[in-house]
Amino acid sequence: MSPPAATVKSKRRYDSERRREQARRTRQRIIEVAERRFLHDGYAATTVASVAADAGVSADTIYKGFGGKPGLVRAIRANALLGEGPTPAEQRSDEFQATEADGRRIIEGWGALTTEVAPRVAPILLLMRDAAAVDAEAAALRDEMDADRLRRMTDNARRLRATGDVRAGLSVAHVADVLWTYSAPELYELLVLRRSWSRKRFGRFVADAMADALL
């Protein structure tokens, strides 16, 4: 006698959800292992095989899921940009900008997000900057991520100018360049890693500096 159709569908749905969750956990483990490897050994010295061994998966799994080392770095960066809350940091920023009409408050919000995102994303961006000096693949990936950050800052610049609080005469491109500069990992390196500023102090400085330059 065959089991009821509803029972079969329920079991299939459960199995499918369990497989997706297992795949999500495996992917997250690979990303975390790859980040540790890259930051410890450097980009050039890290191999897909070493990441696979550390994560307990095959190299083929990594190639299929990430496409090799550049894909791993992209995934690490994307994971870092999620921030620390249940909602991705960039999504929170977009939602805040959509409802806030005051330019200074928008910039203060960016400063607050900087305190949670910069410590997560700056190390991998600085790693790629250093690797770019001797590795063509790393240089191309660094340029790609720089360009992506500039696109994001250009979108932010348009929304900031729409508030009417940006000083007259400052173009979208100029505002974007200022935002791009103050979101650069090199600034985090100088003030937090080298001068031992707290994350809170750094975020406040970034917000104040952007406001002084633009409003």
Protein backbone atom coordinates (compact mmCIF):
# COMPACT_ATOMS: atom_id res chain seq x y z
CA MET A 1 0.00 0.00 0.00
CA SER A 2 1.43 3.38 -1.02
CA PRO A 3 1.86 6.15 1.62
CA PRO A 4 -0.54 9.08 1.41
CA ALA A 5 0.47 11.68 -1.17
CA ALA A 6 0.55 14.43 1.46
CA THR A 7 3.06 12.46 3.55
CA VAL A 8 5.33 11.89 0.54
CA LYS A 9 5.24 15.58 -0.43
CA SER A 10 5.96 16.63 3.14
CA LYS A 11 8.97 14.30 3.34
CA ARG A 12 10.32 15.53 0.01
CA ARG A 13 9.92 19.13 1.12
CA TYR A 14 11.74 18.37 4.39
CA ASP A 15 14.56 16.58 2.59
CA SER A 16 14.89 19.46 0.13
CA GLU A 17 15.03 22.04 2.90
CA ARG A 18 17.57 19.97 4.81
CA ARG A 19 19.80 19.68 1.73
CA ARG A 20 19.62 23.42 1.15
CA GLU A 21 20.56 24.10 4.76
CA GLN A 22 23.45 21.65 4.58
CA ALA A 23 24.65 23.29 1.36
CA ARG A 24 24.39 26.75 2.98
CA ARG A 25 26.43 25.59 5.99
CA THR A 26 29.05 23.99 3.77
CA ARG A 27 29.37 27.15 1.70
CA GLN A 28 29.69 29.28 4.82
CA ARG A 29 32.36 26.95 6.23
CA ILE A 30 34.33 27.17 2.99
CA ILE A 31 34.15 30.98 3.03
CA GLU A 32 35.35 31.16 6.65
CA VAL A 33 38.17 28.67 6.05
CA ALA A 34 39.26 30.47 2.88
CA GLU A 35 39.37 33.81 4.67
CA ARG A 36 41.60 32.39 7.41
CA ARG A 37 43.89 30.83 4.81
CA PHE A 38 44.17 33.96 2.71
CA LEU A 39 44.85 36.23 5.68
CA HIS A 40 47.40 33.81 7.15
CA ASP A 41 49.23 32.61 4.02
CA GLY A 42 48.52 35.37 1.50
CA TYR A 43 46.69 35.23 -1.80
CA ALA A 44 49.43 33.69 -3.95
CA ALA A 45 50.41 30.99 -1.44
CA THR A 46 46.85 29.87 -0.75
CA THR A 47 45.63 27.07 -2.99
CA VAL A 48 42.17 25.74 -3.66
CA ALA A 49 43.43 22.35 -2.50
CA SER A 50 44.48 23.74 0.90
CA VAL A 51 41.13 25.46 1.40
CA ALA A 52 39.31 22.28 0.41
CA ALA A 53 41.35 20.21 2.87
CA ASP A 54 40.69 22.63 5.70
CA ALA A 55 36.96 22.73 4.92
CA GLY A 56 36.64 18.98 4.52
CA VAL A 57 35.39 19.13 0.93
CA SER A 58 36.83 18.31 -2.48
CA ALA A 59 38.61 20.86 -4.61
CA ASP A 60 35.98 20.17 -7.27
CA THR A 61 33.29 21.36 -4.84
CA ILE A 62 35.07 24.69 -4.50
CA TYR A 63 35.57 25.09 -8.24
CA LYS A 64 31.90 24.31 -8.88
CA GLY A 65 30.66 26.58 -6.11
CA PHE A 66 33.09 29.49 -6.41
CA GLY A 67 35.07 29.09 -9.63
CA GLY A 68 38.47 29.20 -7.94
CA LYS A 69 40.36 31.70 -5.80
CA PRO A 70 38.86 34.90 -7.27
CA GLY A 71 35.38 33.57 -6.54
CA LEU A 72 36.37 32.76 -2.99
CA VAL A 73 37.58 36.32 -2.45
CA ARG A 74 34.35 37.72 -3.90
CA ALA A 75 32.36 35.51 -1.53
CA ILE A 76 34.46 36.59 1.46
CA ARG A 77 33.89 40.24 0.59
CA ALA A 78 30.16 39.73 0.09
CA ASN A 79 29.94 37.95 3.42
CA ALA A 80 31.82 40.78 5.15
CA LEU A 81 29.48 43.40 3.66
CA LEU A 82 26.52 41.74 5.33
CA GLY A 83 27.60 43.38 8.58
CA GLU A 84 26.61 42.11 11.98
CA GLY A 85 22.82 42.36 11.99
CA PRO A 86 20.18 39.94 10.69
CA THR A 87 19.57 42.29 7.75
CA PRO A 88 22.48 42.94 5.34
CA ALA A 89 24.20 46.26 6.04
CA GLU A 90 23.75 47.59 2.50
CA GLN A 91 20.04 46.78 2.61
CA ARG A 92 19.72 48.61 5.92
CA SER A 93 21.54 51.58 4.39
CA ASP A 94 19.24 51.66 1.38
CA GLU A 95 16.12 51.42 3.53
CA PHE A 96 17.35 54.21 5.80
CA GLN A 97 18.15 56.47 2.85
CA ALA A 98 14.71 55.81 1.37
CA THR A 99 12.96 57.14 4.48
CA GLU A 100 15.41 59.80 5.74
CA ALA A 101 15.37 63.24 4.12
CA ASP A 102 18.14 64.84 6.19
CA GLY A 103 21.57 64.58 4.58
CA ARG A 104 23.50 64.82 7.82
CA ARG A 105 21.50 62.02 9.40
CA ILE A 106 22.12 59.85 6.34
CA ILE A 107 25.86 60.41 6.67
CA GLU A 108 25.70 59.66 10.40
CA GLY A 109 24.00 56.39 9.49
CA TRP A 110 26.85 55.56 7.12
CA GLY A 111 29.32 56.27 9.91
CA ALA A 112 27.50 53.86 12.20
CA LEU A 113 27.51 51.13 9.55
CA THR A 114 31.22 51.74 9.01
CA THR A 115 31.92 50.60 12.56
CA GLU A 116 30.54 47.13 11.83
CA VAL A 117 31.46 46.66 8.17
CA ALA A 118 35.00 48.08 7.97
CA PRO A 119 36.58 45.62 10.44
CA ARG A 120 35.11 42.74 8.45
CA VAL A 121 35.83 43.84 4.90
CA ALA A 122 39.04 45.91 5.21
CA PRO A 123 41.38 42.95 5.91
CA ILE A 124 40.48 41.12 2.69
CA LEU A 125 40.61 44.33 0.63
CA LEU A 126 44.03 45.19 2.05
CA LEU A 127 45.20 41.65 1.32
CA MET A 128 44.19 42.03 -2.33
CA ARG A 129 45.85 45.44 -2.54
CA ASP A 130 49.14 43.96 -1.41
CA ALA A 131 48.77 40.88 -3.61
CA ALA A 132 48.02 43.05 -6.63
CA ALA A 133 51.60 44.31 -6.67
CA VAL A 134 52.92 40.91 -7.76
CA ASP A 135 49.92 38.94 -9.02
CA ALA A 136 48.00 39.89 -12.18
CA GLU A 137 44.92 37.92 -11.13
CA ALA A 138 44.88 39.68 -7.77
CA ALA A 139 45.32 43.06 -9.48
CA ALA A 140 42.33 42.43 -11.73
CA LEU A 141 40.24 41.36 -8.75
CA ARG A 142 41.29 44.44 -6.76
CA ASP A 143 40.29 46.69 -9.65
CA GLU A 144 36.96 44.90 -9.94
CA MET A 145 36.18 45.39 -6.26
CA ASP A 146 37.30 49.03 -6.34
CA ALA A 147 35.00 49.65 -9.29
CA ASP A 148 32.12 47.93 -7.53
CA ARG A 149 32.64 50.08 -4.44
CA LEU A 150 32.69 53.22 -6.62
CA ARG A 151 29.38 52.18 -8.22
CA ARG A 152 27.89 51.77 -4.77
CA MET A 153 29.21 55.16 -3.66
CA THR A 154 27.85 56.77 -6.83
CA ASP A 155 24.38 55.47 -5.99
CA ASN A 156 24.77 56.84 -2.47
CA ALA A 157 25.95 60.18 -3.88
CA ARG A 158 22.83 60.53 -6.02
CA ARG A 159 20.58 59.84 -3.05
CA LEU A 160 22.52 62.25 -0.84
CA ARG A 161 22.28 65.05 -3.41
CA ALA A 162 18.54 64.41 -3.69
CA THR A 163 18.14 65.61 -0.09
CA GLY A 164 19.17 69.12 -1.15
CA ASP A 165 21.74 69.30 1.66
CA VAL A 166 24.89 68.87 -0.46
CA ARG A 167 26.82 72.11 -1.06
CA ALA A 168 26.06 73.83 -4.35
CA GLY A 169 28.47 73.06 -7.15
CA LEU A 170 29.40 69.54 -6.06
CA SER A 171 28.67 67.02 -8.81
CA VAL A 172 27.55 63.44 -8.31
CA ALA A 173 31.02 62.32 -9.40
CA HIS A 174 32.70 64.59 -6.84
CA VAL A 175 30.44 63.39 -4.02
CA ALA A 176 31.00 59.78 -5.07
CA ASP A 177 34.77 60.27 -5.01
CA VAL A 178 34.60 61.68 -1.48
CA LEU A 179 32.45 58.77 -0.28
CA TRP A 180 34.74 56.31 -2.09
CA THR A 181 37.78 57.80 -0.37
CA TYR A 182 36.32 57.67 3.13
CA SER A 183 35.16 54.08 2.63
CA ALA A 184 38.63 52.98 1.50
CA PRO A 185 40.32 50.20 3.48
CA GLU A 186 43.52 52.24 3.59
CA LEU A 187 41.88 54.76 5.91
CA TYR A 188 40.85 51.97 8.27
CA GLU A 189 44.40 50.63 8.10
CA LEU A 190 45.93 53.99 9.01
CA LEU A 191 43.65 54.94 11.89
CA VAL A 192 42.45 51.65 13.39
CA LEU A 193 45.19 49.15 12.60
CA ARG A 194 48.16 51.51 12.85
CA ARG A 195 46.96 54.23 15.22
CA SER A 196 44.76 51.95 17.35
CA TRP A 197 41.60 54.01 17.09
CA SER A 198 38.45 52.34 18.38
CA ARG A 199 35.81 51.36 15.86
CA LYS A 200 33.41 53.90 17.38
CA ARG A 201 35.93 56.72 17.08
CA PHE A 202 36.69 55.73 13.51
CA GLY A 203 33.02 55.65 12.50
CA ARG A 204 32.43 59.06 14.05
CA PHE A 205 35.48 60.48 12.26
CA VAL A 206 34.31 59.13 8.89
CA ALA A 207 30.84 60.65 9.34
CA ASP A 208 32.19 64.02 10.48
CA ALA A 209 34.73 64.16 7.66
CA MET A 210 32.17 63.31 4.97
CA ALA A 211 29.72 65.87 6.35
CA ASP A 212 32.42 68.58 6.47
CA ALA A 213 33.47 67.81 2.90
CA LEU A 214 30.00 67.65 1.38
CA LEU A 215 27.33 69.51 3.35
